[in-house]
Protein backbone atom coordinates (compact mmCIF):
# COMPACT_ATOMS: atom_id res chain seq x y z
CA MET A 1 -98.72 89.08 63.72
CA ASP A 2 -95.25 89.42 62.29
CA THR A 3 -93.29 92.88 62.19
CA ILE A 4 -89.89 94.66 60.59
CA ILE A 5 -88.79 97.22 63.33
CA THR A 6 -86.71 99.74 61.46
CA GLY A 7 -83.39 101.71 62.28
CA GLU A 8 -85.79 104.38 63.38
CA GLY A 9 -88.01 102.62 65.79
CA VAL A 10 -90.86 102.85 63.01
CA GLU A 11 -92.68 98.86 63.81
CA LEU A 12 -93.71 97.59 60.17
CA ASP A 13 -96.24 95.23 58.63
CA ALA A 14 -94.32 91.95 57.81
CA ARG A 15 -97.91 91.85 55.06
CA ALA A 16 -97.62 93.43 51.51
CA ALA A 17 -99.32 96.99 51.57
CA SER A 18 -103.24 96.08 49.62
CA VAL A 19 -103.80 96.96 45.80
CA ALA A 20 -106.18 99.81 46.94
CA SER A 21 -103.42 101.04 49.39
CA ARG A 22 -101.17 101.72 46.80
CA LEU A 23 -103.28 103.03 44.19
CA LEU A 24 -104.79 105.60 46.42
CA GLY A 25 -100.95 106.64 47.85
CA ALA A 26 -99.50 107.22 43.78
CA LEU A 27 -102.93 109.13 43.35
CA ILE A 28 -102.24 111.39 46.01
CA ASP A 29 -98.63 111.53 44.37
CA LEU A 30 -99.58 112.12 40.55
CA ILE A 31 -101.57 114.60 41.49
CA ILE A 32 -98.72 116.77 43.57
CA SER A 33 -96.50 115.85 40.42
CA VAL A 34 -99.45 116.82 37.76
CA ALA A 35 -99.40 119.90 39.70
CA LEU A 36 -95.99 120.87 40.04
CA LEU A 37 -95.22 120.18 36.46
CA VAL A 38 -98.10 122.05 35.05
CA GLY A 39 -96.84 124.79 37.65
CA ALA A 40 -92.95 124.78 36.25
CA ILE A 41 -94.00 124.11 32.68
CA VAL A 42 -96.14 127.60 33.07
CA LEU A 43 -93.78 129.11 34.53
CA LEU A 44 -91.26 127.88 32.24
CA VAL A 45 -93.44 129.67 29.30
CA ASN A 46 -93.56 132.64 31.01
CA VAL A 47 -89.95 133.29 31.42
CA VAL A 48 -88.50 132.14 28.22
CA ALA A 49 -91.90 134.51 25.84
CA SER A 50 -89.29 137.57 26.19
CA SER A 51 -86.62 135.20 25.36
CA SER A 52 -88.44 133.90 22.21
CA SER A 53 -86.26 130.90 22.12
CA GLU A 54 -87.59 127.61 20.86
CA ALA A 55 -84.41 125.37 21.81
CA ALA A 56 -84.29 127.58 25.06
CA ALA A 57 -87.62 126.67 25.37
CA ARG A 58 -88.13 122.83 24.62
CA ILE A 59 -84.77 122.53 26.94
CA GLY A 60 -86.53 123.75 29.61
CA VAL A 61 -89.13 122.10 29.66
CA ILE A 62 -86.98 118.85 28.70
CA VAL A 63 -85.40 119.57 32.00
CA THR A 64 -88.86 120.16 33.75
CA VAL A 65 -90.08 116.65 33.03
CA VAL A 66 -87.19 114.71 33.76
CA THR A 67 -87.01 116.55 36.97
CA VAL A 68 -90.70 116.43 38.07
CA THR A 69 -90.97 112.55 36.63
CA LEU A 70 -87.71 110.81 37.53
CA ALA A 71 -85.34 113.19 39.75
CA ALA A 72 -87.69 114.33 42.47
CA PRO A 73 -89.17 110.75 42.86
CA THR A 74 -85.85 109.48 43.51
CA ALA A 75 -85.15 112.31 45.60
CA VAL A 76 -88.30 111.99 48.11
CA ASP A 77 -87.52 107.83 48.46
CA THR A 78 -84.06 108.54 49.07
CA LEU A 79 -84.13 110.90 51.81
CA THR A 80 -87.95 109.91 53.05
CA ARG A 81 -86.78 105.86 53.08
CA GLY A 82 -89.38 104.88 51.18
CA ARG A 83 -92.30 107.71 52.78
CA SER A 84 -93.55 109.91 49.61
CA LEU A 85 -96.45 112.27 50.33
CA GLY A 86 -98.91 109.84 49.31
CA ARG A 87 -97.48 106.79 51.20
CA LEU A 88 -97.63 108.40 54.50
CA ALA A 89 -101.01 109.73 53.87
CA VAL A 90 -102.14 105.85 53.53
CA GLY A 91 -100.06 104.49 55.97
CA ILE A 92 -97.80 102.64 53.37
CA ARG A 93 -94.15 102.54 52.70
CA VAL A 94 -91.35 101.11 50.25
CA VAL A 95 -88.92 99.21 51.96
CA ARG A 96 -86.08 96.16 50.36
CA ASP A 97 -86.66 92.72 50.27
CA ASP A 98 -85.09 92.23 53.35
CA GLY A 99 -87.57 94.56 55.53
CA GLY A 100 -84.45 97.85 55.14
CA PRO A 101 -84.86 101.63 54.37
CA ILE A 102 -84.27 101.54 50.49
CA THR A 103 -81.56 103.36 48.98
CA PHE A 104 -80.57 105.94 45.94
CA ARG A 105 -79.62 102.98 43.67
CA GLN A 106 -83.48 101.47 44.66
CA ALA A 107 -84.71 104.31 44.73
CA PHE A 108 -83.69 105.34 41.44
CA VAL A 109 -84.79 102.06 39.43
CA ARG A 110 -88.00 102.45 40.62
CA ALA A 111 -88.58 105.99 39.51
CA LEU A 112 -86.53 104.91 36.32
CA THR A 113 -89.04 102.27 35.65
CA GLY A 114 -91.96 104.32 36.37
CA LEU A 115 -91.35 106.50 33.61
CA LEU A 116 -92.65 103.62 30.95
CA GLU A 117 -95.14 102.01 34.18
CA LEU A 118 -96.77 104.67 35.42
CA TRP A 119 -96.66 107.35 33.16
CA VAL A 120 -96.31 106.31 29.47
CA THR A 121 -98.82 103.38 29.77
CA PHE A 122 -100.99 105.85 32.47
CA GLY A 123 -100.56 103.01 35.62
CA THR A 124 -101.60 100.43 33.26
CA VAL A 125 -99.03 98.45 33.28
CA ALA A 126 -98.07 99.11 37.86
CA VAL A 127 -101.98 98.32 38.64
CA ILE A 128 -101.76 94.42 36.27
CA CYS A 129 -97.97 93.72 37.85
CA SER A 130 -99.15 94.55 41.31
CA MET A 131 -102.99 92.65 41.21
CA VAL A 132 -100.82 89.70 39.80
CA HIS A 133 -98.01 89.68 42.19
CA PRO A 134 -98.31 88.12 45.58
CA GLN A 135 -96.47 91.39 47.69
CA GLY A 136 -98.39 93.45 45.41
CA LYS A 137 -95.48 94.62 43.85
CA ARG A 138 -95.50 96.54 40.42
CA VAL A 139 -92.03 96.14 37.59
CA GLY A 140 -90.66 99.16 39.16
CA ASP A 141 -90.53 96.56 42.79
CA ILE A 142 -89.54 93.40 41.06
CA LEU A 143 -86.37 94.76 39.70
CA ALA A 144 -85.05 97.30 42.16
CA GLY A 145 -85.73 94.50 45.11
CA THR A 146 -89.04 96.64 47.11
CA TYR A 147 -91.92 96.07 47.75
CA ALA A 148 -94.57 98.37 49.78
CA VAL A 149 -95.91 97.47 53.71
CA ARG A 150 -98.29 99.38 56.48
CA VAL A 151 -96.33 100.95 59.10
CA ARG A 152 -97.67 101.54 61.88
CA GLY A 153 -95.93 103.50 64.26
CA ALA A 154 -94.50 102.01 67.15
CA THR A 155 -95.23 103.61 71.13
CA THR A 156 -91.49 102.11 72.02
CA VAL A 157 -88.33 103.21 70.28
CA ARG A 158 -86.77 99.62 69.70
CA THR A 159 -82.79 99.87 69.61
CA PRO A 160 -80.98 98.08 66.91
CA VAL A 161 -78.94 95.08 66.47
CA LEU A 162 -76.39 94.83 68.46
CA MET A 163 -73.06 93.17 68.40
CA PRO A 164 -72.29 90.79 71.32
CA TYR A 165 -69.06 91.69 72.75
CA GLU A 166 -67.75 88.31 72.85
CA LEU A 167 -67.95 87.90 68.80
CA GLY A 168 -66.61 91.38 68.39
CA ALA A 169 -63.07 89.81 67.50
CA TRP A 170 -64.49 86.78 65.27
CA ALA A 171 -67.12 88.70 63.23
CA GLN A 172 -64.22 91.16 62.57
CA HIS A 173 -62.11 88.75 60.59
CA ALA A 174 -65.17 86.28 59.25
CA ASP A 175 -66.25 85.87 56.04
CA VAL A 176 -69.98 86.99 55.95
CA ALA A 177 -71.99 86.89 53.04
CA ARG A 178 -74.76 88.60 51.45
CA LEU A 179 -77.19 86.83 53.45
CA PRO A 180 -80.67 85.95 51.19
CA ASP A 181 -83.22 88.89 52.02
CA GLY A 182 -86.21 86.04 52.98
CA LEU A 183 -83.33 84.41 55.42
CA ALA A 184 -81.81 87.95 56.69
CA LEU A 185 -85.69 89.24 57.22
CA ALA A 186 -86.50 85.39 59.24
CA VAL A 187 -83.51 86.09 61.53
CA ARG A 188 -84.67 89.74 61.57
CA GLN A 189 -88.01 89.13 63.27
CA PHE A 190 -87.02 86.05 65.20
CA LEU A 191 -84.18 87.78 67.23
CA ALA A 192 -87.34 90.92 67.84
CA ARG A 193 -89.72 88.28 68.30
CA ALA A 194 -87.47 85.95 70.36
CA PRO A 195 -88.06 87.08 74.24
CA ARG A 196 -92.03 86.84 73.38
CA LEU A 197 -91.74 83.08 72.42
CA HIS A 198 -92.32 79.69 74.42
CA HIS A 199 -88.85 78.26 75.57
CA ALA A 200 -89.11 75.50 73.09
CA SER A 201 -90.23 77.19 70.02
CA ARG A 202 -87.17 79.85 70.63
CA VAL A 203 -84.57 76.92 70.65
CA GLU A 204 -85.45 75.34 67.38
CA LEU A 205 -86.00 78.18 65.38
CA GLY A 206 -82.61 79.66 66.94
CA THR A 207 -81.00 77.01 65.58
CA GLN A 208 -82.90 76.00 62.21
CA LEU A 209 -81.80 79.30 61.65
CA THR A 210 -78.38 78.99 62.68
CA GLN A 211 -77.66 76.27 60.56
CA GLU A 212 -79.11 78.26 57.34
CA VAL A 213 -77.35 81.44 58.54
CA GLY A 214 -73.91 79.31 58.66
CA ARG A 215 -73.63 78.23 55.38
CA TYR A 216 -72.99 81.59 54.64
CA VAL A 217 -70.46 82.51 57.21
CA ARG A 218 -66.37 80.60 57.67
CA PRO A 219 -65.46 80.15 59.66
CA LEU A 220 -67.70 79.57 61.76
CA PRO A 221 -67.63 81.18 65.51
CA PRO A 222 -65.88 79.32 68.48
CA ALA A 223 -67.53 75.83 69.51
CA GLY A 224 -70.35 76.47 72.41
CA THR A 225 -71.76 80.06 70.73
CA HIS A 226 -75.17 81.15 72.60
CA PRO A 227 -77.56 80.94 68.25
CA GLU A 228 -79.22 84.06 68.59
CA SER A 229 -75.19 85.45 69.91
CA PHE A 230 -74.33 84.22 66.09
CA LEU A 231 -77.38 85.34 64.71
CA ALA A 232 -76.92 89.04 65.89
CA ALA A 233 -73.56 88.98 65.39
CA VAL A 234 -73.91 88.50 61.63
CA LEU A 235 -76.40 90.99 61.54
CA ALA A 236 -74.26 93.31 63.22
CA GLU A 237 -71.76 92.76 61.21
CA ARG A 238 -73.77 92.63 57.83
CA ARG A 239 -74.75 95.91 58.90
CA THR A 240 -70.85 97.57 59.68
CA ARG A 241 -69.95 96.79 56.16
CA GLU A 242 -72.65 98.24 54.63
CA LEU A 243 -72.29 101.29 55.92
CA ARG A 244 -68.51 101.09 55.38
CA SER A 245 -68.78 100.43 52.16
CA GLU A 246 -71.51 102.77 51.86
CA GLN A 247 -69.25 105.67 53.12
CA VAL A 248 -65.99 104.92 50.74
CA ALA A 249 -68.77 104.97 47.60
CA GLU A 250 -69.84 108.46 48.80
CA ALA A 251 -66.01 109.25 49.34
CA ARG A 252 -65.00 108.04 45.68
CA ARG A 253 -68.13 109.90 44.79
CA GLU A 254 -66.87 113.56 46.39
CA ARG A 255 -63.32 112.64 44.29
CA GLU A 256 -64.75 111.63 41.60
CA ALA A 257 -66.74 115.07 41.65
CA ALA A 258 -64.45 117.28 42.74
CA ALA A 259 -61.69 115.77 39.94
CA LEU A 260 -64.87 116.97 37.24
CA HIS A 261 -64.95 120.08 38.59
CA ARG A 262 -61.36 120.98 38.44
CA LEU A 263 -60.19 123.03 35.68
CA PRO A 264 -57.44 121.36 33.27
CA HIS A 265 -53.96 121.37 34.04
CA GLY A 266 -52.25 124.63 33.96
CA VAL A 267 -55.06 127.17 34.39
CA PRO A 268 -55.66 128.56 37.44
CA ASP A 269 -57.86 128.36 39.84
CA PRO A 270 -59.80 131.06 41.74
CA ALA A 271 -61.22 129.77 44.33
CA ARG A 272 -58.18 128.07 45.16
C-alpha cells in the first residue's frame, strides 16, 4: 500500500480518508467548538451585565464568534499540522496535495471557507462536496489544496530526504521550479519505497520520474548522475528553499509588526 512519510516520522496512507471518518471527526470538533462558544458567550454576558453596555456586548459577541469559528481552527490546524482533536480521535489528518504538512495560509483558507460551508449551511455543502469528490475534499480543501488522509503511527522514525553530497553545489545554483503536487508526491513515495522494489521496476520508475522532473530543472545535473540521486537532490533543495522562504517571510512579518507598534516620529518610546 502506498504511504507518505512526514517529517515527524508518521506514516500516512496515501488513500484519502472516508467520508464517514471525516464526518465523525468534524462532529467531534463541532461539539467542542459549540461548547467553547456557549461557554464564552455565557461568561461574556455575565461580564457585560455589570457594565450595562450594549455596544460592548455586541463587540464581545462578534469577537467571540470570530475567535471560535475562524481564529481557533486556523491556529489548531497550523500548530498541530492538520490534526484537530476530532481528527486525532478518528485517526485522520489534513495534508497538502503533495503530502506535506499544511501551512498557516492553507489552514486559514479552510477555516474561512468553513464559515460558509460548515456553519452557515450546517455542513450540507461540505458533505455533498465530500461525497462527490474523488478524494473526499470539501470546498475548503479544493481552494486550499489539501485533503484528509488516514494516519497510521509508524514504529520507526524515517529520516527526511537528504541532499546527495556530490550534487550539493549543483543544486544551490540550479533553477528548480515548483513541481506539480502529484509529481512531488510520486517522487517522495518512490524514494521511500525504492529499496523494496524489484530492480527492474526500480530502474524503470526512477528513469521515468527523472525525465518528468527534468522538465522543471535547469540546468540538468552532470552527466552520469544516478536518477535517485537527482530526485533526492531536487526534493531536498525544494525543501530547503521553502524553509528559507518561510524564514524570510516570518522575518518580514516581525519587522512589519514592530513598525506598526512603533510610536509616531518624535514621540518618545518608554519601552526603549
